[in-house]
Each structure stands twice: as structure tokens, then as C-alpha cells.
Amino acid sequence: MVIMLAFVADGMAQSETDTTQNDLPKPLQSAYKTRTAVIKKDTVQYKHRWFIPGQYKLQYAGSIGFMSIGFGYAITPIYQPAFFIGYLSENFGGSKNSVVSLSLKNSFYFTRQPLFDYFRPYGGLSINWGNTNNTFNRLPDYYPSEYYFQNKIHFAPFLGGELKFDINNRYFYGLGVYTEFSAFDAYLLEAIRTKYVKPHMALSMAVGVTFYLR
């Protein structure tokens, strides 16, 4: 009797979980799928949660700091957002001001499957927030109106590509190496409306690595 009740309860719990999963928006359903991991030769099944990152990233340059670290999610095979925190200082990048940057990078891949088995091109828009002693959300009163473009929050479109390789690791299933070109909105505006800033001067290059979690 006890065994029968246990099976019934387990079936009800599984049915409730499946119903909850099916009620979610389609892009989030994959975040709750049952996954399998091998730990010390034992196979374990678990349910991944949406708030657990599927990627960890390390990036050099790219207008969000001399070095930055981040984590990301595969919402769909095409859309993959990532959150970064970057740092720049006199001893860490050669800047006269210390800058802490936060960035939300929205990457959209152009292909669902890698080209030539390894390469995936992508583009997107990054929203960057910088905090230092000479950034501001609005102009101080002693500046004429529209004298400066606010420099605390920037939109930065970017284009890039990633080489992704499969790896046999206990915690990671893939390693990606990427490079991309981006430009701040203010720099693009100056390149368009003045002759002093050339289009190529507005570009910033970044290189980075991505670790894909199991």
C-alpha cells in the first residue's frame, strides 16, 4: 500500500512538473527540461533552472573595460543575452580614471547551426552603464544645453563571430573563442555629424572566451 501511494505521489508530482513546464512560454520550456549528468560514474538526472547561467565569459577590451567577466543564457538557438562587469584603471588598462562598467549584451546568431562545423557569426546590441567620477546621466548646470552627449549609459551595436569547440570535461561541454567589433552611440553620432571623427575611429575590438556548462 505504501509503495502504491509512493508511485501515485511520484506520478502526480511528475504530472504537475510537466504541466508547469508546458504552461511556460516556449523559449523558457527548454530551461526546465530534465538533464543528465555523470558524476563519479553515476548518472544523475536533474532539472535545470532558468536563473542558472549556461555560459561563463571572459573578455578583453570591447569598450566595457580593460578586462570583463560575465555569464550568459541560451534563451533560444538564435538569441543569447549575457551580463558583464568590466574594470579599467591606471594600473589595469592605463586609464587616468577608474571605471566600473555593467553591460547587457544581446547577441543574435545569424545561423542555427555552425558554419563549417565550428563558426557562428552574430550581431546585436549592447547596453552599457559606466560609473566613474566624470560620467553623468544629465549635464551639470554650468554646461550649455546639448553641449555634451550624456556619457553614463550607451547603446553599442556590434558584429562578431565565434569558433566553438566540443570538449570532454566534467563541467563544460564546449569552449568558444570569439572576436567582435562594436561602437558607442556617441562615437557613431560624432562620426556622422563631424569630419574630425572618422567611422573607423569609432570602432572598438574585443576578444574573449566562452565556457559552455553542461
N, C-alpha and C. Protein backbone atom coordinates (compact mmCIF):
# COMPACT_ATOMS: atom_id res chain seq x y z
N MET A 1 0.83 -1.21 0.00
CA MET A 1 0.00 0.00 0.00
C MET A 1 0.87 1.26 0.00
N VAL A 2 1.92 1.23 0.85
CA VAL A 2 2.82 2.36 0.92
C VAL A 2 3.52 2.58 -0.41
N ILE A 3 3.95 1.45 -1.00
CA ILE A 3 4.64 1.53 -2.29
C ILE A 3 3.71 2.10 -3.35
N MET A 4 2.45 1.66 -3.34
CA MET A 4 1.48 2.15 -4.33
C MET A 4 1.26 3.65 -4.15
N LEU A 5 1.13 4.10 -2.91
CA LEU A 5 0.94 5.54 -2.67
C LEU A 5 2.15 6.33 -3.12
N ALA A 6 3.34 5.76 -2.93
CA ALA A 6 4.56 6.45 -3.37
C ALA A 6 4.57 6.62 -4.87
N PHE A 7 4.18 5.58 -5.61
CA PHE A 7 4.14 5.67 -7.07
C PHE A 7 3.12 6.69 -7.52
N VAL A 8 1.95 6.72 -6.84
CA VAL A 8 0.91 7.69 -7.20
C VAL A 8 1.40 9.11 -6.96
N ALA A 9 2.03 9.34 -5.79
CA ALA A 9 2.54 10.67 -5.48
C ALA A 9 3.60 11.10 -6.45
N ASP A 10 4.49 10.16 -6.81
CA ASP A 10 5.55 10.49 -7.77
C ASP A 10 4.95 10.83 -9.12
N GLY A 11 3.92 10.08 -9.53
CA GLY A 11 3.28 10.35 -10.81
C GLY A 11 2.58 11.69 -10.82
N MET A 12 1.93 12.03 -9.68
CA MET A 12 1.27 13.34 -9.58
C MET A 12 2.29 14.46 -9.62
N ALA A 13 3.43 14.29 -8.94
CA ALA A 13 4.47 15.32 -8.94
C ALA A 13 5.04 15.50 -10.33
N GLN A 14 5.26 14.37 -11.03
CA GLN A 14 5.81 14.46 -12.38
C GLN A 14 4.82 15.12 -13.31
N SER A 15 3.51 14.76 -13.15
CA SER A 15 2.48 15.37 -13.99
C SER A 15 2.38 16.86 -13.74
N GLU A 16 2.49 17.27 -12.44
CA GLU A 16 2.43 18.68 -12.11
C GLU A 16 3.61 19.43 -12.70
N THR A 17 4.81 18.81 -12.63
CA THR A 17 6.00 19.43 -13.20
C THR A 17 5.88 19.58 -14.70
N ASP A 18 5.38 18.51 -15.37
CA ASP A 18 5.22 18.58 -16.82
C ASP A 18 4.21 19.64 -17.21
N THR A 19 3.11 19.73 -16.43
CA THR A 19 2.09 20.74 -16.72
C THR A 19 2.66 22.14 -16.56
N THR A 20 3.42 22.35 -15.47
CA THR A 20 4.03 23.66 -15.24
C THR A 20 4.99 24.01 -16.36
N GLN A 21 5.77 23.02 -16.79
CA GLN A 21 6.73 23.26 -17.86
C GLN A 21 6.01 23.61 -19.16
N ASN A 22 4.93 22.89 -19.46
CA ASN A 22 4.21 23.13 -20.71
C ASN A 22 3.47 24.45 -20.70
N ASP A 23 3.16 24.98 -19.51
CA ASP A 23 2.48 26.27 -19.42
C ASP A 23 3.41 27.44 -19.62
N LEU A 24 4.71 27.19 -19.59
CA LEU A 24 5.68 28.27 -19.76
C LEU A 24 5.76 28.70 -21.21
N PRO A 25 6.21 29.94 -21.47
CA PRO A 25 6.48 30.34 -22.86
C PRO A 25 7.49 29.39 -23.49
N LYS A 26 7.35 29.16 -24.77
CA LYS A 26 8.18 28.16 -25.45
C LYS A 26 9.67 28.40 -25.27
N PRO A 27 10.18 29.66 -25.34
CA PRO A 27 11.63 29.86 -25.15
C PRO A 27 12.12 29.42 -23.78
N LEU A 28 11.23 29.43 -22.74
CA LEU A 28 11.66 29.06 -21.39
C LEU A 28 11.47 27.58 -21.08
N GLN A 29 10.72 26.85 -21.93
CA GLN A 29 10.48 25.45 -21.64
C GLN A 29 11.76 24.64 -21.61
N SER A 30 12.70 24.97 -22.50
CA SER A 30 13.96 24.23 -22.54
C SER A 30 14.77 24.43 -21.26
N ALA A 31 14.53 25.55 -20.54
CA ALA A 31 15.27 25.80 -19.31
C ALA A 31 14.86 24.87 -18.18
N TYR A 32 13.69 24.21 -18.33
CA TYR A 32 13.20 23.33 -17.28
C TYR A 32 13.22 21.86 -17.69
N LYS A 33 13.85 21.54 -18.80
CA LYS A 33 13.92 20.15 -19.24
C LYS A 33 14.78 19.33 -18.30
N THR A 34 14.45 18.07 -18.18
CA THR A 34 15.27 17.16 -17.39
C THR A 34 16.58 16.91 -18.11
N ARG A 35 17.71 17.09 -17.39
CA ARG A 35 19.02 16.91 -17.98
C ARG A 35 19.76 15.79 -17.25
N THR A 36 20.77 15.27 -17.90
CA THR A 36 21.54 14.15 -17.37
C THR A 36 22.99 14.55 -17.20
N ALA A 37 23.57 14.20 -16.07
CA ALA A 37 24.98 14.45 -15.81
C ALA A 37 25.60 13.21 -15.21
N VAL A 38 26.86 12.98 -15.51
CA VAL A 38 27.59 11.83 -14.96
C VAL A 38 28.57 12.35 -13.91
N ILE A 39 28.36 11.95 -12.67
CA ILE A 39 29.20 12.37 -11.55
C ILE A 39 29.79 11.13 -10.88
N LYS A 40 31.09 11.00 -10.96
CA LYS A 40 31.79 9.84 -10.39
C LYS A 40 31.17 8.53 -10.87
N LYS A 41 30.97 8.46 -12.19
CA LYS A 41 30.45 7.28 -12.87
C LYS A 41 28.98 6.99 -12.57
N ASP A 42 28.32 7.87 -11.82
CA ASP A 42 26.89 7.73 -11.57
C ASP A 42 26.12 8.70 -12.45
N THR A 43 25.05 8.22 -13.06
CA THR A 43 24.21 9.06 -13.91
C THR A 43 23.11 9.70 -13.06
N VAL A 44 23.07 11.03 -13.09
CA VAL A 44 22.10 11.76 -12.29
C VAL A 44 21.23 12.62 -13.20
N GLN A 45 19.93 12.59 -12.97
CA GLN A 45 19.01 13.44 -13.71
C GLN A 45 18.60 14.62 -12.84
N TYR A 46 18.53 15.79 -13.44
CA TYR A 46 18.17 16.98 -12.70
C TYR A 46 17.44 17.94 -13.61
N LYS A 47 16.75 18.91 -13.02
CA LYS A 47 16.03 19.92 -13.79
C LYS A 47 16.77 21.24 -13.69
N HIS A 48 17.24 21.70 -14.81
CA HIS A 48 17.98 22.96 -14.87
C HIS A 48 16.99 24.12 -14.72
N ARG A 49 17.37 25.14 -14.00
CA ARG A 49 16.51 26.29 -13.79
C ARG A 49 17.00 27.48 -14.62
N TRP A 50 16.06 28.33 -15.02
CA TRP A 50 16.38 29.42 -15.94
C TRP A 50 17.41 30.38 -15.37
N PHE A 51 17.43 30.53 -14.02
CA PHE A 51 18.33 31.52 -13.43
C PHE A 51 19.76 31.03 -13.31
N ILE A 52 20.02 29.77 -13.61
CA ILE A 52 21.38 29.23 -13.58
C ILE A 52 22.02 29.48 -14.94
N PRO A 53 23.12 30.23 -15.03
CA PRO A 53 23.73 30.53 -16.33
C PRO A 53 24.18 29.26 -17.05
N GLY A 54 24.11 29.31 -18.36
CA GLY A 54 24.62 28.20 -19.17
C GLY A 54 25.99 28.50 -19.75
N GLN A 55 26.47 29.73 -19.55
CA GLN A 55 27.75 30.14 -20.12
C GLN A 55 28.48 31.06 -19.14
N TYR A 56 29.80 30.94 -19.13
CA TYR A 56 30.64 31.90 -18.43
C TYR A 56 31.63 32.49 -19.42
N LYS A 57 31.89 33.80 -19.29
CA LYS A 57 32.67 34.50 -20.31
C LYS A 57 33.78 35.34 -19.68
N LEU A 58 34.88 35.46 -20.42
CA LEU A 58 35.99 36.32 -20.06
C LEU A 58 36.35 37.11 -21.32
N GLN A 59 36.37 38.45 -21.22
CA GLN A 59 36.57 39.29 -22.40
C GLN A 59 37.64 40.34 -22.16
N TYR A 60 38.42 40.58 -23.20
CA TYR A 60 39.43 41.63 -23.19
C TYR A 60 38.99 42.76 -24.10
N ALA A 61 38.98 43.99 -23.57
CA ALA A 61 38.62 45.21 -24.31
C ALA A 61 37.16 45.17 -24.74
N GLY A 62 36.82 45.93 -25.78
CA GLY A 62 35.44 45.98 -26.25
C GLY A 62 34.60 47.07 -25.63
N SER A 63 35.24 48.11 -25.08
CA SER A 63 34.55 49.29 -24.56
C SER A 63 33.74 49.03 -23.29
N ILE A 64 33.96 47.90 -22.62
CA ILE A 64 33.31 47.67 -21.33
C ILE A 64 34.36 47.36 -20.26
N GLY A 65 35.57 47.83 -20.48
CA GLY A 65 36.63 47.63 -19.51
C GLY A 65 37.84 46.99 -20.15
N PHE A 66 38.98 47.17 -19.47
CA PHE A 66 40.20 46.51 -19.94
C PHE A 66 40.01 45.00 -19.92
N MET A 67 39.42 44.49 -18.85
CA MET A 67 39.01 43.09 -18.75
C MET A 67 37.60 43.06 -18.16
N SER A 68 36.82 42.08 -18.57
CA SER A 68 35.47 41.93 -18.04
C SER A 68 35.12 40.45 -17.93
N ILE A 69 34.27 40.15 -16.98
CA ILE A 69 33.77 38.78 -16.81
C ILE A 69 32.25 38.82 -16.90
N GLY A 70 31.66 37.70 -17.30
CA GLY A 70 30.22 37.70 -17.46
C GLY A 70 29.64 36.30 -17.48
N PHE A 71 28.33 36.26 -17.54
CA PHE A 71 27.62 34.98 -17.65
C PHE A 71 26.44 35.19 -18.61
N GLY A 72 26.07 34.11 -19.29
CA GLY A 72 25.04 34.24 -20.31
C GLY A 72 24.06 33.08 -20.33
N TYR A 73 23.04 33.22 -21.18
CA TYR A 73 21.97 32.25 -21.29
C TYR A 73 21.66 32.00 -22.77
N ALA A 74 21.25 30.78 -23.09
CA ALA A 74 20.77 30.46 -24.42
C ALA A 74 19.25 30.44 -24.36
N ILE A 75 18.63 31.61 -24.52
CA ILE A 75 17.17 31.69 -24.45
C ILE A 75 16.55 30.92 -25.61
N THR A 76 17.10 31.09 -26.81
CA THR A 76 16.73 30.32 -27.99
C THR A 76 18.03 30.00 -28.72
N PRO A 77 18.00 29.13 -29.75
CA PRO A 77 19.22 28.91 -30.53
C PRO A 77 19.76 30.17 -31.20
N ILE A 78 18.91 31.18 -31.34
CA ILE A 78 19.31 32.42 -32.01
C ILE A 78 19.68 33.52 -31.01
N TYR A 79 18.86 33.70 -29.99
CA TYR A 79 19.05 34.81 -29.04
C TYR A 79 19.76 34.34 -27.77
N GLN A 80 20.90 34.98 -27.46
CA GLN A 80 21.67 34.63 -26.28
C GLN A 80 22.16 35.90 -25.58
N PRO A 81 21.49 36.32 -24.51
CA PRO A 81 21.94 37.50 -23.77
C PRO A 81 23.03 37.14 -22.77
N ALA A 82 23.84 38.13 -22.40
CA ALA A 82 24.90 37.93 -21.42
C ALA A 82 25.08 39.20 -20.61
N PHE A 83 25.42 39.06 -19.35
CA PHE A 83 25.67 40.18 -18.45
C PHE A 83 27.16 40.24 -18.12
N PHE A 84 27.75 41.43 -18.22
CA PHE A 84 29.19 41.61 -17.99
C PHE A 84 29.43 42.69 -16.94
N ILE A 85 30.53 42.53 -16.22
CA ILE A 85 31.06 43.60 -15.38
C ILE A 85 32.53 43.78 -15.77
N GLY A 86 32.90 45.02 -16.09
CA GLY A 86 34.25 45.30 -16.55
C GLY A 86 34.93 46.33 -15.67
N TYR A 87 36.24 46.36 -15.78
CA TYR A 87 37.01 47.28 -14.93
C TYR A 87 38.16 47.88 -15.73
N LEU A 88 38.43 49.15 -15.47
CA LEU A 88 39.50 49.88 -16.12
C LEU A 88 40.08 50.87 -15.11
N SER A 89 41.42 50.92 -15.02
CA SER A 89 42.06 51.84 -14.10
C SER A 89 43.46 52.19 -14.61
N GLU A 90 44.18 53.01 -13.86
CA GLU A 90 45.52 53.41 -14.27
C GLU A 90 46.48 52.22 -14.29
N ASN A 91 46.32 51.34 -13.34
CA ASN A 91 47.18 50.15 -13.28
C ASN A 91 46.62 48.98 -14.06
N PHE A 92 45.38 49.09 -14.46
CA PHE A 92 44.70 47.98 -15.15
C PHE A 92 44.07 48.51 -16.42
N GLY A 93 44.92 48.90 -17.37
CA GLY A 93 44.42 49.39 -18.64
C GLY A 93 44.93 50.75 -19.02
N GLY A 94 45.64 51.45 -18.11
CA GLY A 94 46.26 52.71 -18.46
C GLY A 94 45.32 53.90 -18.50
N SER A 95 44.23 53.87 -17.73
CA SER A 95 43.28 54.98 -17.71
C SER A 95 43.56 55.89 -16.52
N LYS A 96 43.38 57.21 -16.71
CA LYS A 96 43.56 58.15 -15.61
C LYS A 96 42.42 58.06 -14.59
N ASN A 97 41.28 57.51 -15.01
CA ASN A 97 40.14 57.36 -14.12
C ASN A 97 39.78 55.88 -13.99
N SER A 98 39.40 55.50 -12.78
CA SER A 98 38.91 54.14 -12.58
C SER A 98 37.45 54.05 -13.02
N VAL A 99 37.16 53.05 -13.81
CA VAL A 99 35.82 52.90 -14.38
C VAL A 99 35.31 51.49 -14.14
N VAL A 100 34.13 51.39 -13.58
CA VAL A 100 33.42 50.12 -13.45
C VAL A 100 32.24 50.15 -14.42
N SER A 101 32.15 49.15 -15.29
CA SER A 101 31.10 49.12 -16.31
C SER A 101 30.23 47.88 -16.15
N LEU A 102 28.94 48.07 -16.34
CA LEU A 102 27.99 46.96 -16.42
C LEU A 102 27.41 46.94 -17.82
N SER A 103 27.24 45.75 -18.36
CA SER A 103 26.78 45.65 -19.74
C SER A 103 25.81 44.49 -19.91
N LEU A 104 24.75 44.75 -20.63
CA LEU A 104 23.83 43.70 -21.09
C LEU A 104 24.03 43.55 -22.59
N LYS A 105 24.61 42.44 -23.00
CA LYS A 105 24.89 42.19 -24.41
C LYS A 105 23.82 41.25 -24.97
N ASN A 106 23.12 41.73 -25.97
CA ASN A 106 22.07 40.95 -26.63
C ASN A 106 22.61 40.45 -27.96
N SER A 107 22.96 39.17 -28.00
CA SER A 107 23.55 38.59 -29.21
C SER A 107 22.51 37.79 -29.98
N PHE A 108 22.48 38.01 -31.30
CA PHE A 108 21.58 37.30 -32.19
C PHE A 108 22.43 36.58 -33.26
N TYR A 109 22.40 35.26 -33.23
CA TYR A 109 23.20 34.48 -34.16
C TYR A 109 22.51 34.39 -35.52
N PHE A 110 23.29 34.48 -36.57
CA PHE A 110 22.74 34.50 -37.93
C PHE A 110 22.41 33.11 -38.44
N THR A 111 22.95 32.07 -37.84
CA THR A 111 22.69 30.69 -38.25
C THR A 111 22.36 29.84 -37.03
N ARG A 112 21.47 28.87 -37.22
CA ARG A 112 21.15 27.97 -36.12
C ARG A 112 22.24 26.93 -35.91
N GLN A 113 22.88 26.52 -36.98
CA GLN A 113 23.95 25.55 -36.93
C GLN A 113 25.27 26.21 -37.31
N PRO A 114 26.39 25.77 -36.73
CA PRO A 114 27.69 26.37 -37.06
C PRO A 114 28.06 26.18 -38.52
N LEU A 115 28.69 27.17 -39.09
CA LEU A 115 29.24 27.06 -40.43
C LEU A 115 30.57 26.30 -40.36
N PHE A 116 30.75 25.36 -41.27
CA PHE A 116 31.97 24.55 -41.30
C PHE A 116 32.19 23.82 -39.97
N ASP A 117 31.08 23.51 -39.29
CA ASP A 117 31.07 22.75 -38.03
C ASP A 117 31.54 23.53 -36.81
N TYR A 118 32.12 24.72 -36.97
CA TYR A 118 32.71 25.41 -35.83
C TYR A 118 32.31 26.89 -35.70
N PHE A 119 32.06 27.57 -36.82
CA PHE A 119 31.96 29.04 -36.80
C PHE A 119 30.51 29.50 -36.84
N ARG A 120 30.19 30.48 -35.96
CA ARG A 120 28.86 31.09 -35.95
C ARG A 120 29.00 32.61 -35.92
N PRO A 121 28.55 33.29 -36.97
CA PRO A 121 28.55 34.77 -36.96
C PRO A 121 27.33 35.29 -36.19
N TYR A 122 27.48 36.47 -35.62
CA TYR A 122 26.38 37.04 -34.85
C TYR A 122 26.49 38.56 -34.83
N GLY A 123 25.42 39.19 -34.42
CA GLY A 123 25.38 40.63 -34.23
C GLY A 123 24.43 40.95 -33.10
N GLY A 124 24.39 42.21 -32.70
CA GLY A 124 23.48 42.54 -31.62
C GLY A 124 23.65 43.95 -31.11
N LEU A 125 23.09 44.18 -29.94
CA LEU A 125 23.12 45.50 -29.32
C LEU A 125 23.47 45.34 -27.85
N SER A 126 24.45 46.12 -27.41
CA SER A 126 24.86 46.11 -26.02
C SER A 126 24.41 47.40 -25.34
N ILE A 127 23.91 47.27 -24.11
CA ILE A 127 23.53 48.42 -23.30
C ILE A 127 24.54 48.53 -22.17
N ASN A 128 25.33 49.58 -22.17
CA ASN A 128 26.44 49.73 -21.23
C ASN A 128 26.17 50.86 -20.24
N TRP A 129 26.52 50.62 -18.99
CA TRP A 129 26.43 51.62 -17.95
C TRP A 129 27.79 51.76 -17.29
N GLY A 130 28.34 52.97 -17.29
CA GLY A 130 29.65 53.21 -16.71
C GLY A 130 29.58 54.10 -15.49
N ASN A 131 30.40 53.81 -14.50
CA ASN A 131 30.40 54.60 -13.27
C ASN A 131 31.81 55.06 -12.96
N THR A 132 32.03 56.38 -13.00
CA THR A 132 33.32 56.97 -12.66
C THR A 132 33.07 58.41 -12.23
N ASN A 133 34.14 59.12 -11.91
CA ASN A 133 33.95 60.48 -11.41
C ASN A 133 33.67 61.51 -12.50
N ASN A 134 33.75 61.11 -13.76
CA ASN A 134 33.46 62.07 -14.83
C ASN A 134 32.41 61.55 -15.80
N THR A 135 31.50 60.71 -15.31
CA THR A 135 30.35 60.32 -16.10
C THR A 135 29.09 60.92 -15.48
N PHE A 136 28.06 61.14 -16.31
CA PHE A 136 26.85 61.77 -15.80
C PHE A 136 25.66 61.33 -16.63
N ASN A 137 24.49 61.30 -15.97
CA ASN A 137 23.24 60.98 -16.66
C ASN A 137 22.67 62.21 -17.35
N ARG A 138 22.89 63.39 -16.75
CA ARG A 138 22.45 64.65 -17.34
C ARG A 138 23.54 65.68 -17.14
N LEU A 139 23.55 66.66 -18.00
CA LEU A 139 24.60 67.67 -17.94
C LEU A 139 24.53 68.50 -16.66
N PRO A 140 25.68 68.81 -16.06
CA PRO A 140 25.68 69.79 -14.95
C PRO A 140 25.17 71.14 -15.44
N ASP A 141 24.68 71.97 -14.53
CA ASP A 141 24.06 73.23 -14.90
C ASP A 141 25.02 74.20 -15.59
N TYR A 142 26.32 74.06 -15.32
CA TYR A 142 27.26 75.03 -15.91
C TYR A 142 27.59 74.73 -17.37
N TYR A 143 27.05 73.63 -17.95
CA TYR A 143 27.22 73.36 -19.37
C TYR A 143 26.00 73.86 -20.13
N PRO A 144 26.21 74.43 -21.32
CA PRO A 144 25.06 74.80 -22.15
C PRO A 144 24.27 73.56 -22.55
N SER A 145 22.99 73.77 -22.84
CA SER A 145 22.14 72.66 -23.24
C SER A 145 22.71 71.97 -24.49
N GLU A 146 22.76 70.61 -24.44
CA GLU A 146 23.25 69.78 -25.54
C GLU A 146 24.74 70.05 -25.85
N TYR A 147 25.46 70.59 -24.89
CA TYR A 147 26.90 70.83 -25.11
C TYR A 147 27.66 69.51 -25.19
N TYR A 148 27.27 68.56 -24.33
CA TYR A 148 27.85 67.23 -24.33
C TYR A 148 26.75 66.19 -24.45
N PHE A 149 27.13 65.05 -25.01
CA PHE A 149 26.24 63.89 -25.03
C PHE A 149 26.40 63.17 -23.69
N GLN A 150 25.29 62.80 -23.01
CA GLN A 150 25.44 62.10 -21.73
C GLN A 150 26.31 60.86 -21.91
N ASN A 151 27.13 60.56 -20.94
CA ASN A 151 28.13 59.50 -21.15
C ASN A 151 28.09 58.41 -20.08
N LYS A 152 26.95 58.27 -19.42
CA LYS A 152 26.84 57.22 -18.41
C LYS A 152 26.22 55.96 -18.98
N ILE A 153 25.24 56.10 -19.85
CA ILE A 153 24.58 54.96 -20.49
C ILE A 153 24.78 55.06 -22.00
N HIS A 154 25.22 53.96 -22.60
CA HIS A 154 25.47 53.93 -24.04
C HIS A 154 24.83 52.70 -24.66
N PHE A 155 24.41 52.88 -25.91
CA PHE A 155 24.00 51.76 -26.74
C PHE A 155 25.12 51.49 -27.73
N ALA A 156 25.49 50.23 -27.86
CA ALA A 156 26.63 49.89 -28.71
C ALA A 156 26.27 48.70 -29.60
N PRO A 157 25.98 48.94 -30.88
CA PRO A 157 25.79 47.81 -31.80
C PRO A 157 27.11 47.10 -32.04
N PHE A 158 27.05 45.81 -32.33
CA PHE A 158 28.27 45.06 -32.55
C PHE A 158 28.05 43.92 -33.55
N LEU A 159 29.14 43.51 -34.18
CA LEU A 159 29.19 42.36 -35.09
C LEU A 159 30.38 41.50 -34.69
N GLY A 160 30.19 40.19 -34.74
CA GLY A 160 31.29 39.32 -34.36
C GLY A 160 31.11 37.91 -34.87
N GLY A 161 31.99 37.05 -34.43
CA GLY A 161 31.94 35.64 -34.80
C GLY A 161 32.64 34.81 -33.74
N GLU A 162 32.20 33.57 -33.61
CA GLU A 162 32.75 32.69 -32.58
C GLU A 162 33.12 31.34 -33.17
N LEU A 163 34.28 30.85 -32.78
CA LEU A 163 34.69 29.48 -33.06
C LEU A 163 34.41 28.64 -31.83
N LYS A 164 33.55 27.63 -31.98
CA LYS A 164 33.16 26.81 -30.84
C LYS A 164 33.66 25.38 -31.02
N PHE A 165 34.28 24.86 -29.95
CA PHE A 165 34.85 23.51 -29.99
C PHE A 165 34.24 22.67 -28.88
N ASP A 166 33.98 21.39 -29.18
CA ASP A 166 33.49 20.46 -28.17
C ASP A 166 34.66 20.03 -27.29
N ILE A 167 34.40 19.97 -25.98
CA ILE A 167 35.42 19.49 -25.05
C ILE A 167 34.80 18.45 -24.13
N ASN A 168 35.62 17.51 -23.69
CA ASN A 168 35.16 16.45 -22.80
C ASN A 168 35.60 16.77 -21.38
N ASN A 169 34.73 17.49 -20.67
CA ASN A 169 35.04 17.94 -19.34
C ASN A 169 33.86 17.63 -18.42
N ARG A 170 34.15 17.46 -17.17
CA ARG A 170 33.11 17.12 -16.20
C ARG A 170 32.05 18.22 -16.08
N TYR A 171 32.48 19.47 -16.22
CA TYR A 171 31.56 20.59 -16.00
C TYR A 171 31.20 21.34 -17.28
N PHE A 172 32.02 21.27 -18.32
CA PHE A 172 31.81 22.02 -19.56
C PHE A 172 31.75 21.07 -20.76
N TYR A 173 30.89 21.42 -21.70
CA TYR A 173 30.80 20.61 -22.91
C TYR A 173 31.37 21.33 -24.13
N GLY A 174 31.65 22.62 -23.99
CA GLY A 174 32.16 23.37 -25.14
C GLY A 174 32.99 24.56 -24.73
N LEU A 175 33.86 24.99 -25.64
CA LEU A 175 34.70 26.17 -25.45
C LEU A 175 34.61 27.02 -26.70
N GLY A 176 34.29 28.29 -26.53
CA GLY A 176 34.19 29.21 -27.66
C GLY A 176 35.22 30.32 -27.57
N VAL A 177 35.77 30.67 -28.72
CA VAL A 177 36.70 31.80 -28.82
C VAL A 177 36.08 32.79 -29.80
N TYR A 178 35.88 34.04 -29.37
CA TYR A 178 35.16 34.98 -30.22
C TYR A 178 35.91 36.30 -30.33
N THR A 179 35.58 37.01 -31.39
CA THR A 179 36.06 38.38 -31.57
C THR A 179 34.91 39.20 -32.16
N GLU A 180 34.86 40.49 -31.81
CA GLU A 180 33.76 41.33 -32.30
C GLU A 180 34.19 42.78 -32.37
N PHE A 181 33.47 43.54 -33.19
CA PHE A 181 33.68 44.97 -33.34
C PHE A 181 32.42 45.69 -32.89
N SER A 182 32.59 46.72 -32.07
CA SER A 182 31.44 47.47 -31.57
C SER A 182 31.73 48.97 -31.65
N ALA A 183 30.70 49.77 -31.44
CA ALA A 183 30.86 51.23 -31.45
C ALA A 183 29.81 51.85 -30.55
N PHE A 184 30.22 52.82 -29.72
CA PHE A 184 29.28 53.55 -28.88
C PHE A 184 28.40 54.46 -29.74
N ASP A 185 27.18 54.68 -29.28
CA ASP A 185 26.27 55.56 -29.99
C ASP A 185 26.83 56.97 -30.13
N ALA A 186 27.48 57.49 -29.08
CA ALA A 186 28.03 58.86 -29.13
C ALA A 186 29.12 58.97 -30.18
N TYR A 187 29.98 57.96 -30.27
CA TYR A 187 31.06 57.98 -31.26
C TYR A 187 30.51 57.90 -32.68
N LEU A 188 29.50 57.07 -32.87
CA LEU A 188 28.88 56.97 -34.19
C LEU A 188 28.24 58.29 -34.59
N LEU A 189 27.59 58.94 -33.63
CA LEU A 189 26.96 60.23 -33.90
C LEU A 189 28.00 61.27 -34.31
N GLU A 190 29.13 61.30 -33.60
CA GLU A 190 30.19 62.24 -33.95
C GLU A 190 30.80 61.92 -35.31
N ALA A 191 30.89 60.64 -35.64
CA ALA A 191 31.43 60.24 -36.94
C ALA A 191 30.51 60.68 -38.08
N ILE A 192 29.20 60.74 -37.78
CA ILE A 192 28.24 61.13 -38.81
C ILE A 192 28.17 62.66 -38.97
N ARG A 193 28.20 63.38 -37.86
CA ARG A 193 27.93 64.81 -37.94
C ARG A 193 29.19 65.68 -37.98
N THR A 194 30.37 65.11 -37.78
CA THR A 194 31.60 65.90 -37.85
C THR A 194 32.60 65.23 -38.78
N LYS A 195 33.59 65.99 -39.20
CA LYS A 195 34.63 65.46 -40.06
C LYS A 195 35.88 65.07 -39.27
N TYR A 196 35.84 65.33 -37.97
CA TYR A 196 37.02 65.06 -37.15
C TYR A 196 37.09 63.60 -36.69
N VAL A 197 35.93 62.96 -36.55
CA VAL A 197 35.89 61.55 -36.15
C VAL A 197 35.55 60.71 -37.37
N LYS A 198 36.49 59.89 -37.80
CA LYS A 198 36.27 59.00 -38.93
C LYS A 198 35.52 57.75 -38.46
N PRO A 199 34.76 57.12 -39.37
CA PRO A 199 33.99 55.93 -38.96
C PRO A 199 34.83 54.86 -38.29
N HIS A 200 36.04 54.60 -38.80
CA HIS A 200 36.86 53.54 -38.21
C HIS A 200 37.36 53.91 -36.81
N MET A 201 37.39 55.22 -36.51
CA MET A 201 37.84 55.65 -35.19
C MET A 201 36.80 55.36 -34.11
N ALA A 202 35.57 55.13 -34.52
CA ALA A 202 34.51 54.85 -33.55
C ALA A 202 34.46 53.37 -33.16
N LEU A 203 35.20 52.53 -33.88
CA LEU A 203 35.13 51.08 -33.65
C LEU A 203 36.04 50.65 -32.50
N SER A 204 35.59 49.64 -31.80
CA SER A 204 36.38 49.03 -30.73
C SER A 204 36.34 47.52 -30.94
N MET A 205 37.49 46.87 -30.77
CA MET A 205 37.60 45.43 -30.98
C MET A 205 37.71 44.71 -29.64
N ALA A 206 37.07 43.56 -29.54
CA ALA A 206 37.13 42.74 -28.34
C ALA A 206 37.44 41.30 -28.72
N VAL A 207 38.13 40.61 -27.83
CA VAL A 207 38.33 39.16 -27.96
C VAL A 207 37.95 38.53 -26.64
N GLY A 208 37.46 37.30 -26.70
CA GLY A 208 37.03 36.66 -25.47
C GLY A 208 36.87 35.16 -25.63
N VAL A 209 36.60 34.52 -24.51
CA VAL A 209 36.36 33.07 -24.48
C VAL A 209 35.06 32.81 -23.75
N THR A 210 34.37 31.75 -24.16
CA THR A 210 33.12 31.34 -23.54
C THR A 210 33.23 29.89 -23.11
N PHE A 211 32.87 29.61 -21.87
CA PHE A 211 32.80 28.23 -21.37
C PHE A 211 31.33 27.83 -21.29
N TYR A 212 30.96 26.75 -22.00
CA TYR A 212 29.59 26.29 -22.05
C TYR A 212 29.38 25.18 -21.02
N LEU A 213 28.47 25.42 -20.07
CA LEU A 213 28.23 24.48 -18.98
C LEU A 213 27.34 23.33 -19.42
N ARG A 214 27.56 22.18 -18.81
CA ARG A 214 26.70 21.03 -19.05
C ARG A 214 25.35 21.24 -18.36
